[in-house]
Amino acid sequence: MGRLPKIYPRRPPREPVDEPAALVLEDGAVATVQLRNVSEAGFGAECRGFVRIGSHVALERSGRARRAHVRWALRGRFGAVFADAE
């Protein structure tokens, strides 16, 4: 145990961060999230509200928005892959 099977591609390095960001949900609502890590391919964040697995969102950070697809969510945390990285 300890190594992933070779069927899983290696993830790009993630940069740890601790900053607020805005998450635009599918219905247009905006939620404040705490961004925890970011990479070329996606990000991890925490949110007080519910973020649905499979939903399409946009992460607004530093005046720039990037569309993303939520891949996992658990107990107020979630991870998403940027649409242009899929």
N, C-alpha and C. Protein backbone atom coordinates (compact mmCIF):
# COMPACT_ATOMS: atom_id res chain seq x y z
N MET A 1 0.84 -1.17 0.00
CA MET A 1 0.00 0.00 0.00
C MET A 1 0.89 1.24 0.00
N GLY A 2 0.32 2.40 -0.26
CA GLY A 2 1.11 3.63 -0.26
C GLY A 2 1.30 4.21 -1.64
N ARG A 3 1.27 3.39 -2.66
CA ARG A 3 1.41 3.88 -4.03
C ARG A 3 0.10 3.68 -4.77
N LEU A 4 -0.27 4.68 -5.56
CA LEU A 4 -1.49 4.56 -6.36
C LEU A 4 -1.21 3.68 -7.57
N PRO A 5 -2.21 2.95 -8.03
CA PRO A 5 -2.02 2.18 -9.26
C PRO A 5 -1.65 3.10 -10.40
N LYS A 6 -0.97 2.58 -11.38
CA LYS A 6 -0.48 3.39 -12.50
C LYS A 6 -1.59 3.97 -13.37
N ILE A 7 -2.85 3.56 -13.15
CA ILE A 7 -3.95 4.11 -13.95
C ILE A 7 -4.26 5.56 -13.60
N TYR A 8 -3.80 6.02 -12.43
CA TYR A 8 -4.05 7.40 -12.02
C TYR A 8 -2.90 8.29 -12.48
N PRO A 9 -3.21 9.34 -13.26
CA PRO A 9 -2.13 10.23 -13.68
C PRO A 9 -1.60 11.03 -12.49
N ARG A 10 -0.36 11.39 -12.57
CA ARG A 10 0.25 12.19 -11.51
C ARG A 10 -0.36 13.59 -11.50
N ARG A 11 -0.72 14.09 -10.31
CA ARG A 11 -1.32 15.42 -10.20
C ARG A 11 -0.24 16.49 -10.25
N PRO A 12 -0.58 17.65 -10.82
CA PRO A 12 0.38 18.76 -10.80
C PRO A 12 0.62 19.18 -9.34
N PRO A 13 1.79 19.74 -9.05
CA PRO A 13 2.08 20.19 -7.68
C PRO A 13 1.06 21.24 -7.23
N ARG A 14 0.64 21.12 -5.99
CA ARG A 14 -0.31 22.08 -5.42
C ARG A 14 0.44 23.09 -4.55
N GLU A 15 0.04 24.33 -4.68
CA GLU A 15 0.62 25.40 -3.87
C GLU A 15 -0.32 25.66 -2.69
N PRO A 16 0.17 25.52 -1.46
CA PRO A 16 -0.71 25.83 -0.33
C PRO A 16 -0.99 27.33 -0.26
N VAL A 17 -2.24 27.68 -0.02
CA VAL A 17 -2.65 29.07 0.14
C VAL A 17 -3.66 29.13 1.28
N ASP A 18 -3.89 30.31 1.78
CA ASP A 18 -4.90 30.53 2.82
C ASP A 18 -5.48 31.92 2.57
N GLU A 19 -6.42 31.98 1.63
CA GLU A 19 -6.98 33.28 1.26
C GLU A 19 -8.45 33.14 0.89
N PRO A 20 -9.23 34.18 1.15
CA PRO A 20 -10.64 34.14 0.75
C PRO A 20 -10.77 34.31 -0.76
N ALA A 21 -11.82 33.71 -1.29
CA ALA A 21 -12.13 33.84 -2.72
C ALA A 21 -13.64 33.75 -2.87
N ALA A 22 -14.14 34.08 -4.04
CA ALA A 22 -15.57 33.97 -4.32
C ALA A 22 -15.81 32.78 -5.24
N LEU A 23 -16.86 32.05 -4.96
CA LEU A 23 -17.25 30.91 -5.78
C LEU A 23 -18.63 31.19 -6.34
N VAL A 24 -18.73 31.28 -7.65
CA VAL A 24 -20.03 31.49 -8.30
C VAL A 24 -20.62 30.11 -8.59
N LEU A 25 -21.79 29.85 -8.01
CA LEU A 25 -22.45 28.56 -8.14
C LEU A 25 -23.28 28.49 -9.42
N GLU A 26 -23.78 27.31 -9.75
CA GLU A 26 -24.54 27.12 -10.98
C GLU A 26 -25.76 28.03 -11.09
N ASP A 27 -26.39 28.33 -9.96
CA ASP A 27 -27.59 29.17 -9.98
C ASP A 27 -27.27 30.66 -9.95
N GLY A 28 -25.99 31.01 -10.00
CA GLY A 28 -25.57 32.40 -10.00
C GLY A 28 -25.28 32.97 -8.63
N ALA A 29 -25.63 32.23 -7.58
CA ALA A 29 -25.33 32.68 -6.21
C ALA A 29 -23.81 32.70 -6.02
N VAL A 30 -23.37 33.59 -5.15
CA VAL A 30 -21.94 33.71 -4.86
C VAL A 30 -21.70 33.32 -3.41
N ALA A 31 -20.76 32.41 -3.20
CA ALA A 31 -20.39 31.97 -1.85
C ALA A 31 -18.95 32.37 -1.58
N THR A 32 -18.68 32.78 -0.36
CA THR A 32 -17.30 33.05 0.05
C THR A 32 -16.68 31.74 0.47
N VAL A 33 -15.50 31.44 -0.08
CA VAL A 33 -14.78 30.23 0.28
C VAL A 33 -13.39 30.61 0.78
N GLN A 34 -12.78 29.70 1.50
CA GLN A 34 -11.40 29.88 1.94
C GLN A 34 -10.57 28.93 1.09
N LEU A 35 -9.78 29.49 0.19
CA LEU A 35 -8.95 28.71 -0.71
C LEU A 35 -7.80 28.11 0.09
N ARG A 36 -7.57 26.81 -0.04
CA ARG A 36 -6.53 26.11 0.72
C ARG A 36 -5.35 25.66 -0.11
N ASN A 37 -5.61 25.32 -1.39
CA ASN A 37 -4.51 24.97 -2.29
C ASN A 37 -4.95 25.20 -3.72
N VAL A 38 -3.97 25.38 -4.58
CA VAL A 38 -4.27 25.63 -5.99
C VAL A 38 -3.14 25.04 -6.83
N SER A 39 -3.49 24.55 -8.01
CA SER A 39 -2.50 24.04 -8.96
C SER A 39 -2.93 24.47 -10.35
N GLU A 40 -2.16 24.06 -11.36
CA GLU A 40 -2.54 24.35 -12.74
C GLU A 40 -3.87 23.68 -13.08
N ALA A 41 -4.15 22.56 -12.43
CA ALA A 41 -5.32 21.75 -12.79
C ALA A 41 -6.56 22.03 -11.95
N GLY A 42 -6.42 22.57 -10.74
CA GLY A 42 -7.60 22.76 -9.91
C GLY A 42 -7.28 23.41 -8.57
N PHE A 43 -8.21 23.23 -7.63
CA PHE A 43 -8.04 23.86 -6.32
C PHE A 43 -8.81 23.08 -5.26
N GLY A 44 -8.43 23.34 -4.02
CA GLY A 44 -9.15 22.82 -2.86
C GLY A 44 -9.56 24.00 -2.00
N ALA A 45 -10.74 23.93 -1.40
CA ALA A 45 -11.25 25.05 -0.62
C ALA A 45 -12.18 24.56 0.48
N GLU A 46 -12.52 25.47 1.38
CA GLU A 46 -13.50 25.22 2.43
C GLU A 46 -14.63 26.21 2.25
N CYS A 47 -15.85 25.75 2.58
CA CYS A 47 -17.03 26.57 2.41
C CYS A 47 -18.05 26.21 3.49
N ARG A 48 -18.70 27.20 4.07
CA ARG A 48 -19.74 26.93 5.07
C ARG A 48 -20.99 26.33 4.45
N GLY A 49 -21.25 26.68 3.21
CA GLY A 49 -22.43 26.17 2.51
C GLY A 49 -22.15 24.83 1.85
N PHE A 50 -23.18 24.27 1.25
CA PHE A 50 -23.09 22.99 0.57
C PHE A 50 -22.65 23.20 -0.87
N VAL A 51 -21.63 22.49 -1.29
CA VAL A 51 -21.18 22.51 -2.68
C VAL A 51 -21.41 21.11 -3.23
N ARG A 52 -22.21 21.01 -4.27
CA ARG A 52 -22.62 19.71 -4.80
C ARG A 52 -21.56 19.11 -5.72
N ILE A 53 -21.23 17.85 -5.48
CA ILE A 53 -20.32 17.11 -6.36
C ILE A 53 -20.92 17.09 -7.76
N GLY A 54 -20.11 17.38 -8.75
CA GLY A 54 -20.57 17.38 -10.13
C GLY A 54 -21.03 18.74 -10.62
N SER A 55 -21.15 19.71 -9.71
CA SER A 55 -21.63 21.03 -10.14
C SER A 55 -20.53 21.80 -10.87
N HIS A 56 -20.98 22.72 -11.71
CA HIS A 56 -20.07 23.60 -12.45
C HIS A 56 -20.07 24.94 -11.75
N VAL A 57 -18.90 25.44 -11.42
CA VAL A 57 -18.73 26.68 -10.65
C VAL A 57 -17.70 27.56 -11.34
N ALA A 58 -17.52 28.75 -10.81
CA ALA A 58 -16.44 29.63 -11.26
C ALA A 58 -15.74 30.16 -10.01
N LEU A 59 -14.43 30.05 -9.98
CA LEU A 59 -13.63 30.57 -8.87
C LEU A 59 -13.14 31.95 -9.25
N GLU A 60 -13.50 32.95 -8.44
CA GLU A 60 -13.04 34.32 -8.67
C GLU A 60 -11.95 34.62 -7.66
N ARG A 61 -10.76 34.91 -8.20
CA ARG A 61 -9.59 35.15 -7.36
C ARG A 61 -8.73 36.22 -8.02
N SER A 62 -8.38 37.22 -7.26
CA SER A 62 -7.51 38.30 -7.76
C SER A 62 -8.04 38.93 -9.04
N GLY A 63 -9.36 39.13 -9.11
CA GLY A 63 -9.97 39.78 -10.25
C GLY A 63 -10.11 38.91 -11.49
N ARG A 64 -9.82 37.63 -11.36
CA ARG A 64 -9.91 36.71 -12.49
C ARG A 64 -10.83 35.55 -12.14
N ALA A 65 -11.67 35.13 -13.08
CA ALA A 65 -12.58 34.01 -12.85
C ALA A 65 -12.18 32.84 -13.74
N ARG A 66 -12.22 31.63 -13.16
CA ARG A 66 -11.96 30.41 -13.93
C ARG A 66 -13.06 29.41 -13.64
N ARG A 67 -13.63 28.85 -14.71
CA ARG A 67 -14.66 27.84 -14.55
C ARG A 67 -14.03 26.54 -14.06
N ALA A 68 -14.81 25.81 -13.26
CA ALA A 68 -14.31 24.55 -12.69
C ALA A 68 -15.47 23.57 -12.49
N HIS A 69 -15.10 22.32 -12.27
CA HIS A 69 -16.05 21.23 -12.07
C HIS A 69 -15.73 20.60 -10.72
N VAL A 70 -16.70 20.57 -9.81
CA VAL A 70 -16.47 20.04 -8.45
C VAL A 70 -16.37 18.52 -8.53
N ARG A 71 -15.26 17.97 -8.07
CA ARG A 71 -15.00 16.53 -8.13
C ARG A 71 -15.32 15.82 -6.83
N TRP A 72 -15.09 16.49 -5.69
CA TRP A 72 -15.37 15.85 -4.41
C TRP A 72 -15.78 16.91 -3.40
N ALA A 73 -16.52 16.49 -2.39
CA ALA A 73 -16.94 17.39 -1.30
C ALA A 73 -17.15 16.54 -0.05
N LEU A 74 -16.67 17.04 1.08
CA LEU A 74 -16.77 16.30 2.33
C LEU A 74 -16.64 17.25 3.50
N ARG A 75 -17.66 17.32 4.33
CA ARG A 75 -17.64 18.09 5.58
C ARG A 75 -17.10 19.51 5.44
N GLY A 76 -17.69 20.26 4.51
CA GLY A 76 -17.32 21.66 4.36
C GLY A 76 -16.09 21.91 3.52
N ARG A 77 -15.47 20.85 3.02
CA ARG A 77 -14.31 21.00 2.13
C ARG A 77 -14.69 20.43 0.77
N PHE A 78 -14.03 20.92 -0.28
CA PHE A 78 -14.29 20.40 -1.61
C PHE A 78 -13.10 20.64 -2.52
N GLY A 79 -13.06 19.91 -3.60
CA GLY A 79 -12.00 20.07 -4.59
C GLY A 79 -12.61 20.14 -5.97
N ALA A 80 -12.00 20.93 -6.84
CA ALA A 80 -12.53 21.12 -8.19
C ALA A 80 -11.39 21.13 -9.19
N VAL A 81 -11.72 20.74 -10.41
CA VAL A 81 -10.78 20.74 -11.53
C VAL A 81 -11.17 21.88 -12.45
N PHE A 82 -10.19 22.68 -12.85
CA PHE A 82 -10.48 23.77 -13.78
C PHE A 82 -10.94 23.21 -15.12
N ALA A 83 -11.97 23.83 -15.71
CA ALA A 83 -12.55 23.35 -16.95
C ALA A 83 -11.53 23.30 -18.08
N ASP A 84 -10.62 24.25 -18.11
CA ASP A 84 -9.63 24.26 -19.18
C ASP A 84 -8.49 23.27 -18.95
N ALA A 85 -8.53 22.55 -17.82
CA ALA A 85 -7.50 21.55 -17.51
C ALA A 85 -8.03 20.13 -17.68
N GLU A 86 -9.34 19.98 -17.92
CA GLU A 86 -9.95 18.64 -18.05
C GLU A 86 -9.64 18.03 -19.40
